């Protein structure tokens, strides 16, 4: 039963029933609602700030799982990248080196790998950035794998052409030299026989009687046959391909002709003393990609290791050249 309140009215000197105006009732209701809302807001703020909602806890657990998965993927990617680098290094330093092919620069395979994100940084980046980072790394690996596959296809072709490459690489002495006593002057600085000054000697001089056969040291095509007034007298130049070229100077007579295809061991002329020469001999040069290199390292087909060591000592002797 609702209690009825009375108050003493001093004006009328009697007790009268207490009635609350509607305006006051409304103000009380609004005050209560406002206080409740403020209290609820404070409680919610404290709860979300320090305790966290169930949804936030679920998201936090998901984010942690994503970071853990990213770290595992990063470790696996690092391992794959290391294996990829080893394959590329082996390709450049072993496979392509065997066939004297130029190594493939990194710029041709892919751009340089960016430094990996530190764990502390990973923890601060967004999920889509994690995915983007992994995607970029995988794209880089795919690019390198594609380039490496192409390189191995090239190496496979080199393997198929290895026999042809070997046959076109200088590998024997240009004159018969079984007793190894025909090396008269080696590669390097020697005394010029005419001017008596020290001059660079770009080949080997093989002393031999006039008319001794001179042999092509590898398969190739004759590009010069005869005298061109350059001091070599009657001489032959053979282009072997693969960057190799050989020169045979001071012949008494040339057998080969320009454009002729010759085989290793084929007679291309005979020893003489034409041009700038002080005696019958064969001046022999080996060029690789236009650079004159020491021919002494291209006699592996007809010398044992012991014979090569002896020939190396004879060629290294400081003496006067024949031309």
C-alpha atoms as a PDB file:
ATOM      1  CA  UNK A   1       0.000   0.000   0.000  1.00  0.00           C
ATOM      2  CA  UNK A   2       1.357   3.362  -1.035  1.00  0.00           C
ATOM      3  CA  UNK A   3       2.315   5.632   1.861  1.00  0.00           C
ATOM      4  CA  UNK A   4       0.667   9.020   1.970  1.00  0.00           C
ATOM      5  CA  UNK A   5       2.783  11.838   3.327  1.00  0.00           C
ATOM      6  CA  UNK A   6       1.428  14.907   5.109  1.00  0.00           C
ATOM      7  CA  UNK A   7       2.994  18.197   6.083  1.00  0.00           C
ATOM      8  CA  UNK A   8       1.929  20.915   8.553  1.00  0.00           C
ATOM      9  CA  UNK A   9       0.779  24.078   6.833  1.00  0.00           C
ATOM     10  CA  UNK A  10       1.598  27.043   9.096  1.00  0.00           C
ATOM     11  CA  UNK A  11      -0.731  29.296   7.195  1.00  0.00           C
ATOM     12  CA  UNK A  12      -3.813  27.159   7.615  1.00  0.00           C
ATOM     13  CA  UNK A  13      -2.683  25.624  10.901  1.00  0.00           C
ATOM     14  CA  UNK A  14      -3.556  22.137   9.731  1.00  0.00           C
ATOM     15  CA  UNK A  15      -1.971  19.009   8.233  1.00  0.00           C
ATOM     16  CA  UNK A  16      -2.275  18.770   4.492  1.00  0.00           C
ATOM     17  CA  UNK A  17      -1.519  15.983   2.018  1.00  0.00           C
ATOM     18  CA  UNK A  18       1.933  16.293   0.362  1.00  0.00           C
ATOM     19  CA  UNK A  19       1.719  16.259  -3.430  1.00  0.00           C
ATOM     20  CA  UNK A  20       4.886  16.354  -5.614  1.00  0.00           C
ATOM     21  CA  UNK A  21       4.539  18.531  -8.740  1.00  0.00           C
ATOM     22  CA  UNK A  22       4.961  16.805 -12.127  1.00  0.00           C
ATOM     23  CA  UNK A  23       7.927  19.029 -12.989  1.00  0.00           C
ATOM     24  CA  UNK A  24       9.848  17.809  -9.932  1.00  0.00           C
ATOM     25  CA  UNK A  25       9.011  14.199 -10.724  1.00  0.00           C
ATOM     26  CA  UNK A  26      10.327  14.617 -14.249  1.00  0.00           C
ATOM     27  CA  UNK A  27      13.512  16.279 -13.031  1.00  0.00           C
ATOM     28  CA  UNK A  28      14.074  13.410 -10.595  1.00  0.00           C
ATOM     29  CA  UNK A  29      13.564  10.846 -13.355  1.00  0.00           C
ATOM     30  CA  UNK A  30      15.929  12.673 -15.709  1.00  0.00           C
ATOM     31  CA  UNK A  31      18.496  13.040 -12.929  1.00  0.00           C
ATOM     32  CA  UNK A  32      18.383   9.349 -12.176  1.00  0.00           C
ATOM     33  CA  UNK A  33      18.725   8.407 -15.835  1.00  0.00           C
ATOM     34  CA  UNK A  34      21.641  10.821 -16.310  1.00  0.00           C
ATOM     35  CA  UNK A  35      23.429   9.494 -13.230  1.00  0.00           C
ATOM     36  CA  UNK A  36      22.892   5.934 -14.438  1.00  0.00           C
ATOM     37  CA  UNK A  37      24.279   6.747 -17.895  1.00  0.00           C
ATOM     38  CA  UNK A  38      27.351   8.479 -16.495  1.00  0.00           C
ATOM     39  CA  UNK A  39      27.985   5.608 -14.114  1.00  0.00           C
ATOM     40  CA  UNK A  40      27.602   3.074 -16.943  1.00  0.00           C
ATOM     41  CA  UNK A  41      29.978   5.058 -19.136  1.00  0.00           C
ATOM     42  CA  UNK A  42      32.620   5.183 -16.411  1.00  0.00           C
ATOM     43  CA  UNK A  43      32.281   1.479 -15.735  1.00  0.00           C
ATOM     44  CA  UNK A  44      32.514   0.690 -19.480  1.00  0.00           C
ATOM     45  CA  UNK A  45      35.582   2.914 -19.916  1.00  0.00           C
ATOM     46  CA  UNK A  46      37.386   1.229 -17.023  1.00  0.00           C
ATOM     47  CA  UNK A  47      36.358  -2.212 -18.241  1.00  0.00           C
ATOM     48  CA  UNK A  48      37.462  -1.673 -21.868  1.00  0.00           C
ATOM     49  CA  UNK A  49      40.625   0.215 -20.891  1.00  0.00           C
ATOM     50  CA  UNK A  50      42.019  -2.185 -18.341  1.00  0.00           C
ATOM     51  CA  UNK A  51      40.087  -5.419 -18.686  1.00  0.00           C
ATOM     52  CA  UNK A  52      39.172  -5.689 -22.376  1.00  0.00           C
ATOM     53  CA  UNK A  53      36.097  -7.010 -24.000  1.00  0.00           C
ATOM     54  CA  UNK A  54      35.712 -10.665 -25.005  1.00  0.00           C
ATOM     55  CA  UNK A  55      35.892  -9.609 -28.657  1.00  0.00           C
ATOM     56  CA  UNK A  56      39.138  -7.752 -28.042  1.00  0.00           C
ATOM     57  CA  UNK A  57      40.595 -10.773 -26.278  1.00  0.00           C
ATOM     58  CA  UNK A  58      39.673 -12.964 -29.250  1.00  0.00           C
ATOM     59  CA  UNK A  59      41.247 -10.453 -31.674  1.00  0.00           C
ATOM     60  CA  UNK A  60      44.368 -10.239 -29.535  1.00  0.00           C
ATOM     61  CA  UNK A  61      44.707 -14.029 -29.548  1.00  0.00           C
ATOM     62  CA  UNK A  62      44.233 -14.061 -33.320  1.00  0.00           C
ATOM     63  CA  UNK A  63      46.873 -11.355 -33.767  1.00  0.00           C
ATOM     64  CA  UNK A  64      49.302 -13.290 -31.599  1.00  0.00           C
ATOM     65  CA  UNK A  65      48.676 -16.416 -33.656  1.00  0.00           C
ATOM     66  CA  UNK A  66      49.267 -14.422 -36.850  1.00  0.00           C
ATOM     67  CA  UNK A  67      52.557 -13.036 -35.515  1.00  0.00           C
ATOM     68  CA  UNK A  68      53.694 -16.518 -34.503  1.00  0.00           C
ATOM     69  CA  UNK A  69      52.768 -17.875 -37.929  1.00  0.00           C
ATOM     70  CA  UNK A  70      54.587 -14.983 -39.588  1.00  0.00           C
ATOM     71  CA  UNK A  71      57.730 -15.668 -37.577  1.00  0.00           C
ATOM     72  CA  UNK A  72      57.627 -19.327 -38.598  1.00  0.00           C
ATOM     73  CA  UNK A  73      57.100 -18.383 -42.242  1.00  0.00           C
ATOM     74  CA  UNK A  74      59.926 -15.859 -42.023  1.00  0.00           C
ATOM     75  CA  UNK A  75      62.287 -18.578 -40.734  1.00  0.00           C
ATOM     76  CA  UNK A  76      61.264 -20.899 -43.555  1.00  0.00           C
ATOM     77  CA  UNK A  77      61.679 -18.124 -46.138  1.00  0.00           C
ATOM     78  CA  UNK A  78      65.109 -17.281 -44.758  1.00  0.00           C
ATOM     79  CA  UNK A  79      66.119 -20.927 -45.114  1.00  0.00           C
ATOM     80  CA  UNK A  80      64.812 -21.076 -48.700  1.00  0.00           C
ATOM     81  CA  UNK A  81      66.602 -17.832 -49.562  1.00  0.00           C
ATOM     82  CA  UNK A  82      69.863 -19.223 -48.192  1.00  0.00           C
ATOM     83  CA  UNK A  83      69.450 -22.339 -50.329  1.00  0.00           C
ATOM     84  CA  UNK A  84      68.670 -20.144 -53.323  1.00  0.00           C
ATOM     85  CA  UNK A  85      71.838 -18.095 -52.774  1.00  0.00           C
ATOM     86  CA  UNK A  86      73.894 -21.287 -52.540  1.00  0.00           C
ATOM     87  CA  UNK A  87      72.401 -22.543 -55.803  1.00  0.00           C
ATOM     88  CA  UNK A  88      73.150 -19.224 -57.503  1.00  0.00           C
ATOM     89  CA  UNK A  89      76.719 -19.195 -56.177  1.00  0.00           C
ATOM     90  CA  UNK A  90      77.286 -22.775 -57.297  1.00  0.00           C
ATOM     91  CA  UNK A  91      75.816 -21.923 -60.681  1.00  0.00           C
ATOM     92  CA  UNK A  92      78.188 -18.974 -61.118  1.00  0.00           C
ATOM     93  CA  UNK A  93      81.324 -20.407 -59.501  1.00  0.00           C
ATOM     94  CA  UNK A  94      81.092 -24.045 -60.607  1.00  0.00           C
ATOM     95  CA  UNK A  95      78.703 -24.905 -63.402  1.00  0.00           C
ATOM     96  CA  UNK A  96      79.167 -21.795 -65.553  1.00  0.00           C
ATOM     97  CA  UNK A  97      82.887 -21.615 -64.711  1.00  0.00           C
ATOM     98  CA  UNK A  98      83.402 -25.158 -66.029  1.00  0.00           C
ATOM     99  CA  UNK A  99      82.053 -24.086 -69.398  1.00  0.00           C
ATOM    100  CA  UNK A 100      83.751 -20.650 -69.253  1.00  0.00           C
ATOM    101  CA  UNK A 101      80.380 -18.906 -69.366  1.00  0.00           C
ATOM    102  CA  UNK A 102      79.963 -15.478 -67.843  1.00  0.00           C
ATOM    103  CA  UNK A 103      78.254 -15.534 -64.416  1.00  0.00           C
ATOM    104  CA  UNK A 104      74.760 -14.103 -64.168  1.00  0.00           C
ATOM    105  CA  UNK A 105      74.713 -10.864 -62.137  1.00  0.00           C
ATOM    106  CA  UNK A 106      72.218 -10.561 -59.290  1.00  0.00           C
ATOM    107  CA  UNK A 107      70.514  -7.692 -61.095  1.00  0.00           C
ATOM    108  CA  UNK A 108      69.512 -10.138 -63.814  1.00  0.00           C
ATOM    109  CA  UNK A 109      68.014 -12.541 -61.312  1.00  0.00           C
ATOM    110  CA  UNK A 110      66.156 -10.125 -59.061  1.00  0.00           C
ATOM    111  CA  UNK A 111      66.576  -6.959 -57.094  1.00  0.00           C
ATOM    112  CA  UNK A 112      68.613  -7.219 -53.939  1.00  0.00           C
ATOM    113  CA  UNK A 113      66.672  -8.713 -51.021  1.00  0.00           C
ATOM    114  CA  UNK A 114      65.527  -6.141 -48.470  1.00  0.00           C
ATOM    115  CA  UNK A 115      66.584  -6.531 -44.855  1.00  0.00           C
ATOM    116  CA  UNK A 116      64.125  -8.576 -42.860  1.00  0.00           C
ATOM    117  CA  UNK A 117      61.844  -6.929 -40.274  1.00  0.00           C
ATOM    118  CA  UNK A 118      62.929  -7.206 -36.671  1.00  0.00           C
ATOM    119  CA  UNK A 119      60.592  -9.034 -34.327  1.00  0.00           C
ATOM    120  CA  UNK A 120      59.841  -5.869 -32.382  1.00  0.00           C
ATOM    121  CA  UNK A 121      58.867  -4.131 -35.574  1.00  0.00           C
ATOM    122  CA  UNK A 122      56.794  -7.082 -36.711  1.00  0.00           C
ATOM    123  CA  UNK A 123      54.759  -6.836 -33.523  1.00  0.00           C
ATOM    124  CA  UNK A 124      53.804  -3.252 -34.377  1.00  0.00           C
ATOM    125  CA  UNK A 125      52.784  -3.634 -38.002  1.00  0.00           C
ATOM    126  CA  UNK A 126      49.316  -4.426 -39.270  1.00  0.00           C
ATOM    127  CA  UNK A 127      48.106  -7.813 -40.467  1.00  0.00           C
ATOM    128  CA  UNK A 128      47.868  -6.660 -44.094  1.00  0.00           C
ATOM    129  CA  UNK A 129      51.479  -5.476 -43.878  1.00  0.00           C
ATOM    130  CA  UNK A 130      52.558  -8.914 -42.673  1.00  0.00           C
ATOM    131  CA  UNK A 131      50.819 -10.477 -45.647  1.00  0.00           C
ATOM    132  CA  UNK A 132      52.335  -7.904 -47.998  1.00  0.00           C
ATOM    133  CA  UNK A 133      55.837  -8.546 -46.610  1.00  0.00           C
ATOM    134  CA  UNK A 134      55.495 -12.302 -47.133  1.00  0.00           C
ATOM    135  CA  UNK A 135      54.035 -11.787 -50.611  1.00  0.00           C
ATOM    136  CA  UNK A 136      56.944  -9.530 -51.631  1.00  0.00           C
ATOM    137  CA  UNK A 137      59.491 -12.069 -50.420  1.00  0.00           C
ATOM    138  CA  UNK A 138      57.726 -14.897 -52.254  1.00  0.00           C
ATOM    139  CA  UNK A 139      57.589 -12.812 -55.445  1.00  0.00           C
ATOM    140  CA  UNK A 140      61.318 -12.188 -55.148  1.00  0.00           C
ATOM    141  CA  UNK A 141      61.980 -15.906 -54.695  1.00  0.00           C
ATOM    142  CA  UNK A 142      59.774 -16.770 -57.656  1.00  0.00           C
ATOM    143  CA  UNK A 143      61.735 -14.307 -59.776  1.00  0.00           C
ATOM    144  CA  UNK A 144      65.045 -15.819 -58.692  1.00  0.00           C
ATOM    145  CA  UNK A 145      63.794 -19.356 -59.262  1.00  0.00           C
ATOM    146  CA  UNK A 146      62.648 -18.472 -62.777  1.00  0.00           C
ATOM    147  CA  UNK A 147      66.041 -16.912 -63.566  1.00  0.00           C
ATOM    148  CA  UNK A 148      67.858 -19.893 -62.074  1.00  0.00           C
ATOM    149  CA  UNK A 149      65.764 -22.299 -64.139  1.00  0.00           C
ATOM    150  CA  UNK A 150      66.723 -20.368 -67.265  1.00  0.00           C
ATOM    151  CA  UNK A 151      70.374 -20.478 -66.244  1.00  0.00           C
ATOM    152  CA  UNK A 152      70.255 -24.250 -65.770  1.00  0.00           C
ATOM    153  CA  UNK A 153      68.694 -24.581 -69.214  1.00  0.00           C
ATOM    154  CA  UNK A 154      71.664 -22.629 -70.592  1.00  0.00           C
ATOM    155  CA  UNK A 155      74.075 -24.849 -68.673  1.00  0.00           C
ATOM    156  CA  UNK A 156      72.283 -27.890 -70.102  1.00  0.00           C
ATOM    157  CA  UNK A 157      72.928 -26.533 -73.592  1.00  0.00           C
ATOM    158  CA  UNK A 158      76.566 -25.963 -72.637  1.00  0.00           C
ATOM    159  CA  UNK A 159      76.790 -29.586 -71.523  1.00  0.00           C
ATOM    160  CA  UNK A 160      75.457 -30.688 -74.892  1.00  0.00           C
ATOM    161  CA  UNK A 161      78.045 -28.487 -76.626  1.00  0.00           C
ATOM    162  CA  UNK A 162      80.907 -29.430 -74.280  1.00  0.00           C
ATOM    163  CA  UNK A 163      82.498 -31.773 -76.829  1.00  0.00           C
ATOM    164  CA  UNK A 164      82.392 -29.039 -79.442  1.00  0.00           C
ATOM    165  CA  UNK A 165      83.784 -26.525 -76.943  1.00  0.00           C
ATOM    166  CA  UNK A 166      86.711 -28.822 -76.107  1.00  0.00           C
ATOM    167  CA  UNK A 167      87.498 -29.435 -79.765  1.00  0.00           C
ATOM    168  CA  UNK A 168      87.583 -25.655 -80.354  1.00  0.00           C
ATOM    169  CA  UNK A 169      89.850 -24.941 -77.376  1.00  0.00           C
ATOM    170  CA  UNK A 170      93.636 -24.872 -78.088  1.00  0.00           C
ATOM    171  CA  UNK A 171      95.091 -27.990 -76.464  1.00  0.00           C
ATOM    172  CA  UNK A 172      98.276 -29.144 -78.259  1.00  0.00           C
ATOM    173  CA  UNK A 173     101.642 -27.690 -79.251  1.00  0.00           C
ATOM    174  CA  UNK A 174     101.821 -26.186 -82.762  1.00  0.00           C
ATOM    175  CA  UNK A 175     104.966 -28.208 -83.681  1.00  0.00           C
ATOM    176  CA  UNK A 176     106.094 -31.680 -82.759  1.00  0.00           C
ATOM    177  CA  UNK A 177     108.031 -31.351 -79.494  1.00  0.00           C
ATOM    178  CA  UNK A 178     108.279 -34.801 -77.923  1.00  0.00           C
ATOM    179  CA  UNK A 179     111.673 -34.171 -76.327  1.00  0.00           C
ATOM    180  CA  UNK A 180     110.501 -30.733 -75.039  1.00  0.00           C
ATOM    181  CA  UNK A 181     113.617 -28.907 -76.253  1.00  0.00           C
ATOM    182  CA  UNK A 182     112.020 -26.637 -78.850  1.00  0.00           C
ATOM    183  CA  UNK A 183     110.770 -23.899 -76.528  1.00  0.00           C
ATOM    184  CA  UNK A 184     113.203 -21.096 -77.356  1.00  0.00           C
ATOM    185  CA  UNK A 185     111.440 -18.157 -75.711  1.00  0.00           C
ATOM    186  CA  UNK A 186     108.434 -17.809 -73.440  1.00  0.00           C
ATOM    187  CA  UNK A 187     105.559 -15.419 -72.815  1.00  0.00           C
ATOM    188  CA  UNK A 188     106.377 -12.124 -71.102  1.00  0.00           C
ATOM    189  CA  UNK A 189     109.091  -9.509 -71.205  1.00  0.00           C
ATOM    190  CA  UNK A 190     112.105 -10.651 -73.236  1.00  0.00           C
ATOM    191  CA  UNK A 191     115.114  -9.077 -74.976  1.00  0.00           C
ATOM    192  CA  UNK A 192     114.234  -8.036 -78.536  1.00  0.00           C
ATOM    193  CA  UNK A 193     116.702  -9.754 -80.953  1.00  0.00           C
ATOM    194  CA  UNK A 194     116.827  -6.746 -83.270  1.00  0.00           C
ATOM    195  CA  UNK A 195     116.646  -3.714 -80.958  1.00  0.00           C
ATOM    196  CA  UNK A 196     118.257  -5.411 -77.914  1.00  0.00           C
ATOM    197  CA  UNK A 197     115.742  -3.781 -75.586  1.00  0.00           C
ATOM    198  CA  UNK A 198     113.312  -5.381 -73.184  1.00  0.00           C
ATOM    199  CA  UNK A 199     109.981  -5.844 -74.930  1.00  0.00           C
ATOM    200  CA  UNK A 200     106.806  -7.734 -74.222  1.00  0.00           C
ATOM    201  CA  UNK A 201     106.739 -11.062 -76.060  1.00  0.00           C
ATOM    202  CA  UNK A 202     103.100 -12.058 -76.576  1.00  0.00           C
ATOM    203  CA  UNK A 203     103.629 -15.735 -77.411  1.00  0.00           C
ATOM    204  CA  UNK A 204     105.939 -18.748 -77.435  1.00  0.00           C
ATOM    205  CA  UNK A 205     108.792 -19.312 -79.884  1.00  0.00           C
ATOM    206  CA  UNK A 206     109.304 -22.922 -81.005  1.00  0.00           C
ATOM    207  CA  UNK A 207     112.675 -23.367 -82.681  1.00  0.00           C
ATOM    208  CA  UNK A 208     112.640 -25.980 -85.462  1.00  0.00           C
ATOM    209  CA  UNK A 209     114.312 -26.677 -88.802  1.00  0.00           C
ATOM    210  CA  UNK A 210     112.814 -24.856 -91.751  1.00  0.00           C
ATOM    211  CA  UNK A 211     110.025 -26.930 -93.299  1.00  0.00           C
ATOM    212  CA  UNK A 212     108.878 -28.501 -90.017  1.00  0.00           C
ATOM    213  CA  UNK A 213     105.073 -28.900 -90.126  1.00  0.00           C
ATOM    214  CA  UNK A 214     102.953 -26.512 -88.072  1.00  0.00           C
ATOM    215  CA  UNK A 215      99.648 -27.850 -86.766  1.00  0.00           C
ATOM    216  CA  UNK A 216      96.348 -26.182 -85.888  1.00  0.00           C
ATOM    217  CA  UNK A 217      95.974 -26.524 -82.127  1.00  0.00           C
ATOM    218  CA  UNK A 218      92.152 -26.658 -82.219  1.00  0.00           C
ATOM    219  CA  UNK A 219      89.226 -26.749 -84.638  1.00  0.00           C
ATOM    220  CA  UNK A 220      88.350 -23.440 -86.222  1.00  0.00           C
ATOM    221  CA  UNK A 221      88.186 -21.235 -89.300  1.00  0.00           C
ATOM    222  CA  UNK A 222      91.212 -19.527 -90.890  1.00  0.00           C
ATOM    223  CA  UNK A 223      90.738 -15.754 -90.906  1.00  0.00           C
ATOM    224  CA  UNK A 224      94.228 -14.732 -92.082  1.00  0.00           C
ATOM    225  CA  UNK A 225      96.636 -16.691 -94.290  1.00  0.00           C
ATOM    226  CA  UNK A 226      99.759 -15.002 -95.709  1.00  0.00           C
ATOM    227  CA  UNK A 227     101.810 -11.884 -95.059  1.00  0.00           C
ATOM    228  CA  UNK A 228     100.133  -8.619 -94.043  1.00  0.00           C
ATOM    229  CA  UNK A 229     103.285  -6.590 -93.303  1.00  0.00           C
ATOM    230  CA  UNK A 230     102.857  -6.692 -89.528  1.00  0.00           C
ATOM    231  CA  UNK A 231     106.203  -8.365 -88.681  1.00  0.00           C
ATOM    232  CA  UNK A 232     104.813 -11.894 -88.452  1.00  0.00           C
ATOM    233  CA  UNK A 233     105.809 -12.651 -92.053  1.00  0.00           C
ATOM    234  CA  UNK A 234     103.787 -15.472 -93.536  1.00  0.00           C
ATOM    235  CA  UNK A 235     101.359 -16.304 -90.789  1.00  0.00           C
ATOM    236  CA  UNK A 236      97.993 -17.905 -90.097  1.00  0.00           C
ATOM    237  CA  UNK A 237      95.285 -16.741 -87.710  1.00  0.00           C
ATOM    238  CA  UNK A 238      92.520 -19.191 -86.767  1.00  0.00           C
ATOM    239  CA  UNK A 239      89.249 -18.209 -85.114  1.00  0.00           C
ATOM    240  CA  UNK A 240      88.132 -21.128 -82.943  1.00  0.00           C
ATOM    241  CA  UNK A 241      84.958 -19.573 -81.594  1.00  0.00           C
ATOM    242  CA  UNK A 242      84.085 -19.340 -77.876  1.00  0.00           C
ATOM    243  CA  UNK A 243      86.376 -16.286 -77.725  1.00  0.00           C
ATOM    244  CA  UNK A 244      89.541 -18.205 -78.741  1.00  0.00           C
ATOM    245  CA  UNK A 245      91.935 -17.243 -81.514  1.00  0.00           C
ATOM    246  CA  UNK A 246      95.460 -18.517 -82.319  1.00  0.00           C
ATOM    247  CA  UNK A 247      98.291 -17.061 -84.404  1.00  0.00           C
ATOM    248  CA  UNK A 248     101.187 -18.939 -86.069  1.00  0.00           C
ATOM    249  CA  UNK A 249     103.972 -16.701 -87.383  1.00  0.00           C
ATOM    250  CA  UNK A 250     107.083 -16.614 -89.633  1.00  0.00           C
ATOM    251  CA  UNK A 251     106.134 -19.572 -91.875  1.00  0.00           C
ATOM    252  CA  UNK A 252     108.242 -20.361 -94.897  1.00  0.00           C
ATOM    253  CA  UNK A 253     105.041 -21.336 -96.675  1.00  0.00           C
ATOM    254  CA  UNK A 254     101.366 -21.235 -95.775  1.00  0.00           C
ATOM    255  CA  UNK A 255      99.161 -24.173 -96.627  1.00  0.00           C
ATOM    256  CA  UNK A 256      95.775 -22.947 -95.372  1.00  0.00           C
ATOM    257  CA  UNK A 257      93.561 -20.417 -97.117  1.00  0.00           C
ATOM    258  CA  UNK A 258      91.263 -17.695 -95.811  1.00  0.00           C
ATOM    259  CA  UNK A 259      87.885 -19.092 -94.792  1.00  0.00           C
ATOM    260  CA  UNK A 260      89.145 -22.681 -94.635  1.00  0.00           C
ATOM    261  CA  UNK A 261      87.768 -24.850 -91.835  1.00  0.00           C
ATOM    262  CA  UNK A 262      90.571 -26.770 -90.117  1.00  0.00           C
ATOM    263  CA  UNK A 263      90.715 -29.516 -87.507  1.00  0.00           C
ATOM    264  CA  UNK A 264      93.058 -29.900 -84.554  1.00  0.00           C
ATOM    265  CA  UNK A 265      96.307 -31.506 -85.716  1.00  0.00           C
ATOM    266  CA  UNK A 266      95.851 -30.461 -89.337  1.00  0.00           C
ATOM    267  CA  UNK A 267      98.957 -29.018 -91.055  1.00  0.00           C
ATOM    268  CA  UNK A 268      98.425 -25.326 -91.815  1.00  0.00           C
ATOM    269  CA  UNK A 269     101.978 -24.396 -92.896  1.00  0.00           C
ATOM    270  CA  UNK A 270     105.698 -24.986 -92.385  1.00  0.00           C
ATOM    271  CA  UNK A 271     108.316 -23.410 -90.119  1.00  0.00           C
ATOM    272  CA  UNK A 272     110.327 -20.575 -91.648  1.00  0.00           C
ATOM    273  CA  UNK A 273     111.954 -17.262 -90.812  1.00  0.00           C
ATOM    274  CA  UNK A 274     109.892 -14.691 -92.724  1.00  0.00           C
ATOM    275  CA  UNK A 275     109.047 -11.268 -91.330  1.00  0.00           C
ATOM    276  CA  UNK A 276     110.846  -9.895 -88.264  1.00  0.00           C
ATOM    277  CA  UNK A 277     112.730 -13.076 -87.380  1.00  0.00           C
ATOM    278  CA  UNK A 278     116.327 -14.040 -86.578  1.00  0.00           C
ATOM    279  CA  UNK A 279     116.026 -17.763 -87.297  1.00  0.00           C
ATOM    280  CA  UNK A 280     113.634 -20.558 -88.266  1.00  0.00           C
ATOM    281  CA  UNK A 281     110.930 -20.853 -85.647  1.00  0.00           C
ATOM    282  CA  UNK A 282     107.168 -20.798 -85.074  1.00  0.00           C
ATOM    283  CA  UNK A 283     105.850 -17.854 -83.102  1.00  0.00           C
ATOM    284  CA  UNK A 284     102.615 -19.026 -81.441  1.00  0.00           C
ATOM    285  CA  UNK A 285     100.004 -16.876 -79.707  1.00  0.00           C
ATOM    286  CA  UNK A 286      96.681 -17.604 -77.979  1.00  0.00           C
ATOM    287  CA  UNK A 287      94.034 -14.883 -77.683  1.00  0.00           C
ATOM    288  CA  UNK A 288      90.939 -15.063 -75.460  1.00  0.00           C
ATOM    289  CA  UNK A 289      88.270 -12.429 -76.077  1.00  0.00           C
ATOM    290  CA  UNK A 290      90.884 -10.275 -77.795  1.00  0.00           C
ATOM    291  CA  UNK A 291      93.422 -10.524 -74.961  1.00  0.00           C
ATOM    292  CA  UNK A 292      96.788 -12.207 -75.515  1.00  0.00           C
ATOM    293  CA  UNK A 293      97.352 -14.913 -72.899  1.00  0.00           C
ATOM    294  CA  UNK A 294     100.168 -17.346 -72.136  1.00  0.00           C
ATOM    295  CA  UNK A 295      99.926 -20.357 -74.517  1.00  0.00           C
ATOM    296  CA  UNK A 296     101.829 -22.540 -72.064  1.00  0.00           C
ATOM    297  CA  UNK A 297      98.560 -23.365 -70.297  1.00  0.00           C
ATOM    298  CA  UNK A 298      96.978 -24.828 -73.441  1.00  0.00           C
ATOM    299  CA  UNK A 299      99.090 -27.961 -73.974  1.00  0.00           C
ATOM    300  CA  UNK A 300      97.170 -30.308 -71.665  1.00  0.00           C
ATOM    301  CA  UNK A 301      96.248 -32.772 -74.431  1.00  0.00           C
ATOM    302  CA  UNK A 302      99.797 -33.934 -75.262  1.00  0.00           C
ATOM    303  CA  UNK A 303     101.732 -33.462 -71.996  1.00  0.00           C
ATOM    304  CA  UNK A 304     101.905 -35.337 -68.707  1.00  0.00           C
ATOM    305  CA  UNK A 305     101.999 -33.269 -65.487  1.00  0.00           C
ATOM    306  CA  UNK A 306     105.760 -33.885 -65.219  1.00  0.00           C
ATOM    307  CA  UNK A 307     106.320 -32.771 -68.832  1.00  0.00           C
ATOM    308  CA  UNK A 308     104.186 -29.709 -68.285  1.00  0.00           C
ATOM    309  CA  UNK A 309     106.261 -28.701 -65.228  1.00  0.00           C
ATOM    310  CA  UNK A 310     109.454 -29.059 -67.260  1.00  0.00           C
ATOM    311  CA  UNK A 311     108.016 -27.065 -70.169  1.00  0.00           C
ATOM    312  CA  UNK A 312     106.830 -24.393 -67.743  1.00  0.00           C
ATOM    313  CA  UNK A 313     110.371 -23.937 -66.406  1.00  0.00           C
ATOM    314  CA  UNK A 314     111.818 -23.698 -69.925  1.00  0.00           C
ATOM    315  CA  UNK A 315     109.249 -21.113 -70.982  1.00  0.00           C
ATOM    316  CA  UNK A 316     109.847 -19.036 -67.836  1.00  0.00           C
ATOM    317  CA  UNK A 317     113.580 -18.658 -68.526  1.00  0.00           C
ATOM    318  CA  UNK A 318     114.609 -15.065 -69.170  1.00  0.00           C
ATOM    319  CA  UNK A 319     116.255 -14.977 -72.593  1.00  0.00           C
ATOM    320  CA  UNK A 320     116.180 -13.389 -76.019  1.00  0.00           C
ATOM    321  CA  UNK A 321     113.211 -14.014 -78.270  1.00  0.00           C
ATOM    322  CA  UNK A 322     113.466 -14.993 -81.944  1.00  0.00           C
ATOM    323  CA  UNK A 323     111.264 -12.108 -83.144  1.00  0.00           C
END
